């Protein structure tokens, strides 16, 4: 005999899998998340601030 399967759980699991595949395709299509873009922007600003902090006055 085969395993007993709860159809309600199987349907939910299949729906989750389908939703995840759609989300992965969308993420690949549209690139980075908002959080990733903001993190990159913040890191760039910090690098500029640190570089400016290390400059010497020439006068």
PDB file of N, CA and C in Angstrom:
ATOM      1  N   UNK A   1       0.823  -1.180   0.000  1.00  0.00           N
ATOM      2  CA  UNK A   1       0.000   0.000   0.000  1.00  0.00           C
ATOM      3  C   UNK A   1       0.870   1.247   0.000  1.00  0.00           C
ATOM      4  N   UNK A   2       0.295   2.303  -0.524  1.00  0.00           N
ATOM      5  CA  UNK A   2       0.998   3.583  -0.544  1.00  0.00           C
ATOM      6  C   UNK A   2       0.798   4.351   0.749  1.00  0.00           C
ATOM      7  N   UNK A   3       1.407   5.490   0.805  1.00  0.00           N
ATOM      8  CA  UNK A   3       1.279   6.328   1.994  1.00  0.00           C
ATOM      9  C   UNK A   3      -0.059   7.047   2.000  1.00  0.00           C
ATOM     10  N   UNK A   4      -0.561   7.314   3.189  1.00  0.00           N
ATOM     11  CA  UNK A   4      -1.783   8.083   3.335  1.00  0.00           C
ATOM     12  C   UNK A   4      -1.416   9.556   3.199  1.00  0.00           C
ATOM     13  N   UNK A   5      -2.156  10.272   2.342  1.00  0.00           N
ATOM     14  CA  UNK A   5      -1.855  11.675   2.083  1.00  0.00           C
ATOM     15  C   UNK A   5      -3.052  12.519   2.470  1.00  0.00           C
ATOM     16  N   UNK A   6      -2.788  13.563   3.242  1.00  0.00           N
ATOM     17  CA  UNK A   6      -3.827  14.508   3.589  1.00  0.00           C
ATOM     18  C   UNK A   6      -3.966  15.473   2.408  1.00  0.00           C
ATOM     19  N   UNK A   7      -5.097  15.432   1.727  1.00  0.00           N
ATOM     20  CA  UNK A   7      -5.273  16.231   0.520  1.00  0.00           C
ATOM     21  C   UNK A   7      -5.229  17.725   0.802  1.00  0.00           C
ATOM     22  N   UNK A   8      -5.739  18.145   1.949  1.00  0.00           N
ATOM     23  CA  UNK A   8      -5.722  19.568   2.291  1.00  0.00           C
ATOM     24  C   UNK A   8      -4.275  20.061   2.390  1.00  0.00           C
ATOM     25  N   UNK A   9      -3.436  19.298   3.062  1.00  0.00           N
ATOM     26  CA  UNK A   9      -2.030  19.684   3.198  1.00  0.00           C
ATOM     27  C   UNK A   9      -1.301  19.602   1.865  1.00  0.00           C
ATOM     28  N   UNK A  10      -1.633  18.605   1.062  1.00  0.00           N
ATOM     29  CA  UNK A  10      -0.988  18.454  -0.235  1.00  0.00           C
ATOM     30  C   UNK A  10      -1.327  19.628  -1.142  1.00  0.00           C
ATOM     31  N   UNK A  11      -2.580  20.088  -1.113  1.00  0.00           N
ATOM     32  CA  UNK A  11      -2.982  21.242  -1.930  1.00  0.00           C
ATOM     33  C   UNK A  11      -2.260  22.507  -1.472  1.00  0.00           C
ATOM     34  N   UNK A  12      -2.168  22.694  -0.169  1.00  0.00           N
ATOM     35  CA  UNK A  12      -1.480  23.874   0.358  1.00  0.00           C
ATOM     36  C   UNK A  12       0.000  23.853  -0.019  1.00  0.00           C
ATOM     37  N   UNK A  13       0.608  22.688   0.078  1.00  0.00           N
ATOM     38  CA  UNK A  13       2.015  22.560  -0.255  1.00  0.00           C
ATOM     39  C   UNK A  13       2.243  22.840  -1.743  1.00  0.00           C
ATOM     40  N   UNK A  14       1.359  22.346  -2.598  1.00  0.00           N
ATOM     41  CA  UNK A  14       1.480  22.598  -4.028  1.00  0.00           C
ATOM     42  C   UNK A  14       1.294  24.082  -4.330  1.00  0.00           C
ATOM     43  N   UNK A  15       0.362  24.732  -3.638  1.00  0.00           N
ATOM     44  CA  UNK A  15       0.135  26.162  -3.840  1.00  0.00           C
ATOM     45  C   UNK A  15       1.355  26.967  -3.408  1.00  0.00           C
ATOM     46  N   UNK A  16       1.970  26.588  -2.279  1.00  0.00           N
ATOM     47  CA  UNK A  16       3.171  27.281  -1.815  1.00  0.00           C
ATOM     48  C   UNK A  16       4.308  27.129  -2.822  1.00  0.00           C
ATOM     49  N   UNK A  17       4.453  25.935  -3.355  1.00  0.00           N
ATOM     50  CA  UNK A  17       5.523  25.678  -4.323  1.00  0.00           C
ATOM     51  C   UNK A  17       5.311  26.508  -5.589  1.00  0.00           C
ATOM     52  N   UNK A  18       4.074  26.586  -6.058  1.00  0.00           N
ATOM     53  CA  UNK A  18       3.769  27.374  -7.253  1.00  0.00           C
ATOM     54  C   UNK A  18       4.008  28.860  -6.997  1.00  0.00           C
ATOM     55  N   UNK A  19       3.580  29.349  -5.840  1.00  0.00           N
ATOM     56  CA  UNK A  19       3.775  30.761  -5.510  1.00  0.00           C
ATOM     57  C   UNK A  19       5.260  31.087  -5.404  1.00  0.00           C
ATOM     58  N   UNK A  20       6.033  30.179  -4.850  1.00  0.00           N
ATOM     59  CA  UNK A  20       7.474  30.400  -4.715  1.00  0.00           C
ATOM     60  C   UNK A  20       8.139  30.458  -6.081  1.00  0.00           C
ATOM     61  N   UNK A  21       7.727  29.604  -7.014  1.00  0.00           N
ATOM     62  CA  UNK A  21       8.337  29.620  -8.341  1.00  0.00           C
ATOM     63  C   UNK A  21       7.993  30.910  -9.077  1.00  0.00           C
ATOM     64  N   UNK A  22       6.770  31.402  -8.894  1.00  0.00           N
ATOM     65  CA  UNK A  22       6.384  32.676  -9.506  1.00  0.00           C
ATOM     66  C   UNK A  22       7.212  33.801  -8.891  1.00  0.00           C
ATOM     67  N   UNK A  23       7.395  33.789  -7.575  1.00  0.00           N
ATOM     68  CA  UNK A  23       8.177  34.822  -6.896  1.00  0.00           C
ATOM     69  C   UNK A  23       9.635  34.796  -7.338  1.00  0.00           C
ATOM     70  N   UNK A  24      10.208  33.618  -7.494  1.00  0.00           N
ATOM     71  CA  UNK A  24      11.589  33.506  -7.950  1.00  0.00           C
ATOM     72  C   UNK A  24      11.749  34.057  -9.363  1.00  0.00           C
ATOM     73  N   UNK A  25      10.797  33.752 -10.232  1.00  0.00           N
ATOM     74  CA  UNK A  25      10.846  34.259 -11.598  1.00  0.00           C
ATOM     75  C   UNK A  25      10.733  35.779 -11.610  1.00  0.00           C
ATOM     76  N   UNK A  26       9.865  36.304 -10.779  1.00  0.00           N
ATOM     77  CA  UNK A  26       9.686  37.750 -10.704  1.00  0.00           C
ATOM     78  C   UNK A  26      10.937  38.423 -10.155  1.00  0.00           C
ATOM     79  N   UNK A  27      11.552  37.827  -9.154  1.00  0.00           N
ATOM     80  CA  UNK A  27      12.775  38.389  -8.582  1.00  0.00           C
ATOM     81  C   UNK A  27      13.899  38.401  -9.614  1.00  0.00           C
ATOM     82  N   UNK A  28      14.004  37.352 -10.385  1.00  0.00           N
ATOM     83  CA  UNK A  28      15.029  37.296 -11.425  1.00  0.00           C
ATOM     84  C   UNK A  28      14.749  38.323 -12.511  1.00  0.00           C
ATOM     85  N   UNK A  29      13.495  38.546 -12.785  1.00  0.00           N
ATOM     86  CA  UNK A  29      13.112  39.482 -13.844  1.00  0.00           C
ATOM     87  C   UNK A  29      13.373  40.927 -13.437  1.00  0.00           C
ATOM     88  N   UNK A  30      13.080  41.256 -12.188  1.00  0.00           N
ATOM     89  CA  UNK A  30      13.136  42.648 -11.759  1.00  0.00           C
ATOM     90  C   UNK A  30      14.384  43.017 -10.983  1.00  0.00           C
ATOM     91  N   UNK A  31      15.243  42.088 -10.682  1.00  0.00           N
ATOM     92  CA  UNK A  31      16.502  42.425 -10.033  1.00  0.00           C
ATOM     93  C   UNK A  31      16.441  42.416  -8.524  1.00  0.00           C
ATOM     94  N   UNK A  32      17.126  43.389  -7.917  1.00  0.00           N
ATOM     95  CA  UNK A  32      17.301  43.406  -6.474  1.00  0.00           C
ATOM     96  C   UNK A  32      16.074  43.928  -5.735  1.00  0.00           C
ATOM     97  N   UNK A  33      16.005  43.583  -4.465  1.00  0.00           N
ATOM     98  CA  UNK A  33      14.917  44.065  -3.624  1.00  0.00           C
ATOM     99  C   UNK A  33      15.207  45.503  -3.191  1.00  0.00           C
ATOM    100  N   UNK A  34      14.194  46.164  -2.666  1.00  0.00           N
ATOM    101  CA  UNK A  34      14.356  47.536  -2.202  1.00  0.00           C
ATOM    102  C   UNK A  34      15.397  47.602  -1.087  1.00  0.00           C
ATOM    103  N   UNK A  35      15.378  46.632  -0.202  1.00  0.00           N
ATOM    104  CA  UNK A  35      16.343  46.607   0.903  1.00  0.00           C
ATOM    105  C   UNK A  35      17.772  46.489   0.379  1.00  0.00           C
ATOM    106  N   UNK A  36      17.981  45.685  -0.637  1.00  0.00           N
ATOM    107  CA  UNK A  36      19.321  45.535  -1.204  1.00  0.00           C
ATOM    108  C   UNK A  36      19.784  46.829  -1.863  1.00  0.00           C
ATOM    109  N   UNK A  37      18.872  47.501  -2.573  1.00  0.00           N
ATOM    110  CA  UNK A  37      19.231  48.772  -3.209  1.00  0.00           C
ATOM    111  C   UNK A  37      19.578  49.830  -2.162  1.00  0.00           C
ATOM    112  N   UNK A  38      18.784  49.917  -1.090  1.00  0.00           N
ATOM    113  CA  UNK A  38      19.050  50.899  -0.039  1.00  0.00           C
ATOM    114  C   UNK A  38      20.350  50.595   0.687  1.00  0.00           C
ATOM    115  N   UNK A  39      20.642  49.322   0.916  1.00  0.00           N
ATOM    116  CA  UNK A  39      21.890  48.941   1.563  1.00  0.00           C
ATOM    117  C   UNK A  39      23.081  49.351   0.707  1.00  0.00           C
ATOM    118  N   UNK A  40      23.002  49.125  -0.577  1.00  0.00           N
ATOM    119  CA  UNK A  40      24.081  49.501  -1.490  1.00  0.00           C
ATOM    120  C   UNK A  40      24.277  51.018  -1.492  1.00  0.00           C
ATOM    121  N   UNK A  41      23.184  51.763  -1.490  1.00  0.00           N
ATOM    122  CA  UNK A  41      23.252  53.225  -1.466  1.00  0.00           C
ATOM    123  C   UNK A  41      23.893  53.714  -0.169  1.00  0.00           C
ATOM    124  N   UNK A  42      23.517  53.113   0.959  1.00  0.00           N
ATOM    125  CA  UNK A  42      24.077  53.500   2.250  1.00  0.00           C
ATOM    126  C   UNK A  42      25.567  53.180   2.321  1.00  0.00           C
ATOM    127  N   UNK A  43      25.965  52.051   1.788  1.00  0.00           N
ATOM    128  CA  UNK A  43      27.385  51.684   1.782  1.00  0.00           C
ATOM    129  C   UNK A  43      28.194  52.655   0.930  1.00  0.00           C
ATOM    130  N   UNK A  44      27.637  53.078  -0.199  1.00  0.00           N
ATOM    131  CA  UNK A  44      28.339  54.027  -1.063  1.00  0.00           C
ATOM    132  C   UNK A  44      28.497  55.374  -0.360  1.00  0.00           C
ATOM    133  N   UNK A  45      27.451  55.841   0.324  1.00  0.00           N
ATOM    134  CA  UNK A  45      27.539  57.106   1.051  1.00  0.00           C
ATOM    135  C   UNK A  45      28.589  57.026   2.160  1.00  0.00           C
ATOM    136  N   UNK A  46      28.624  55.899   2.852  1.00  0.00           N
ATOM    137  CA  UNK A  46      29.599  55.730   3.930  1.00  0.00           C
ATOM    138  C   UNK A  46      31.017  55.738   3.373  1.00  0.00           C
ATOM    139  N   UNK A  47      31.233  55.095   2.243  1.00  0.00           N
ATOM    140  CA  UNK A  47      32.561  55.060   1.637  1.00  0.00           C
ATOM    141  C   UNK A  47      33.003  56.469   1.259  1.00  0.00           C
ATOM    142  N   UNK A  48      32.092  57.272   0.722  1.00  0.00           N
ATOM    143  CA  UNK A  48      32.435  58.651   0.362  1.00  0.00           C
ATOM    144  C   UNK A  48      32.778  59.450   1.613  1.00  0.00           C
ATOM    145  N   UNK A  49      31.977  59.294   2.677  1.00  0.00           N
ATOM    146  CA  UNK A  49      32.250  60.004   3.928  1.00  0.00           C
ATOM    147  C   UNK A  49      33.620  59.631   4.493  1.00  0.00           C
ATOM    148  N   UNK A  50      33.939  58.342   4.482  1.00  0.00           N
ATOM    149  CA  UNK A  50      35.219  57.900   5.021  1.00  0.00           C
ATOM    150  C   UNK A  50      36.375  58.403   4.180  1.00  0.00           C
ATOM    151  N   UNK A  51      36.206  58.410   2.869  1.00  0.00           N
ATOM    152  CA  UNK A  51      37.260  58.904   1.991  1.00  0.00           C
ATOM    153  C   UNK A  51      37.469  60.397   2.217  1.00  0.00           C
ATOM    154  N   UNK A  52      36.399  61.157   2.341  1.00  0.00           N
ATOM    155  CA  UNK A  52      36.508  62.586   2.607  1.00  0.00           C
ATOM    156  C   UNK A  52      37.157  62.843   3.960  1.00  0.00           C
ATOM    157  N   UNK A  53      36.931  61.991   4.917  1.00  0.00           N
ATOM    158  CA  UNK A  53      37.516  62.140   6.240  1.00  0.00           C
ATOM    159  C   UNK A  53      39.017  61.931   6.242  1.00  0.00           C
ATOM    160  N   UNK A  54      39.544  61.215   5.287  1.00  0.00           N
ATOM    161  CA  UNK A  54      40.968  60.939   5.224  1.00  0.00           C
ATOM    162  C   UNK A  54      41.743  61.939   4.381  1.00  0.00           C
ATOM    163  N   UNK A  55      41.054  62.881   3.773  1.00  0.00           N
ATOM    164  CA  UNK A  55      41.756  63.888   2.942  1.00  0.00           C
ATOM    165  C   UNK A  55      42.513  64.843   3.832  1.00  0.00           C
ATOM    166  N   UNK A  56      43.644  65.324   3.340  1.00  0.00           N
ATOM    167  CA  UNK A  56      44.453  66.271   4.080  1.00  0.00           C
ATOM    168  C   UNK A  56      44.194  67.679   3.555  1.00  0.00           C
ATOM    169  N   UNK A  57      44.272  68.646   4.428  1.00  0.00           N
ATOM    170  CA  UNK A  57      44.182  70.031   3.992  1.00  0.00           C
ATOM    171  C   UNK A  57      45.531  70.427   3.411  1.00  0.00           C
ATOM    172  N   UNK A  58      45.521  71.072   2.251  1.00  0.00           N
ATOM    173  CA  UNK A  58      46.776  71.402   1.581  1.00  0.00           C
ATOM    174  C   UNK A  58      47.159  72.864   1.748  1.00  0.00           C
ATOM    175  N   UNK A  59      46.424  73.640   2.493  1.00  0.00           N
ATOM    176  CA  UNK A  59      46.769  75.048   2.676  1.00  0.00           C
ATOM    177  C   UNK A  59      47.525  75.292   3.934  1.00  0.00           C
TER     178      UNK A  59
END
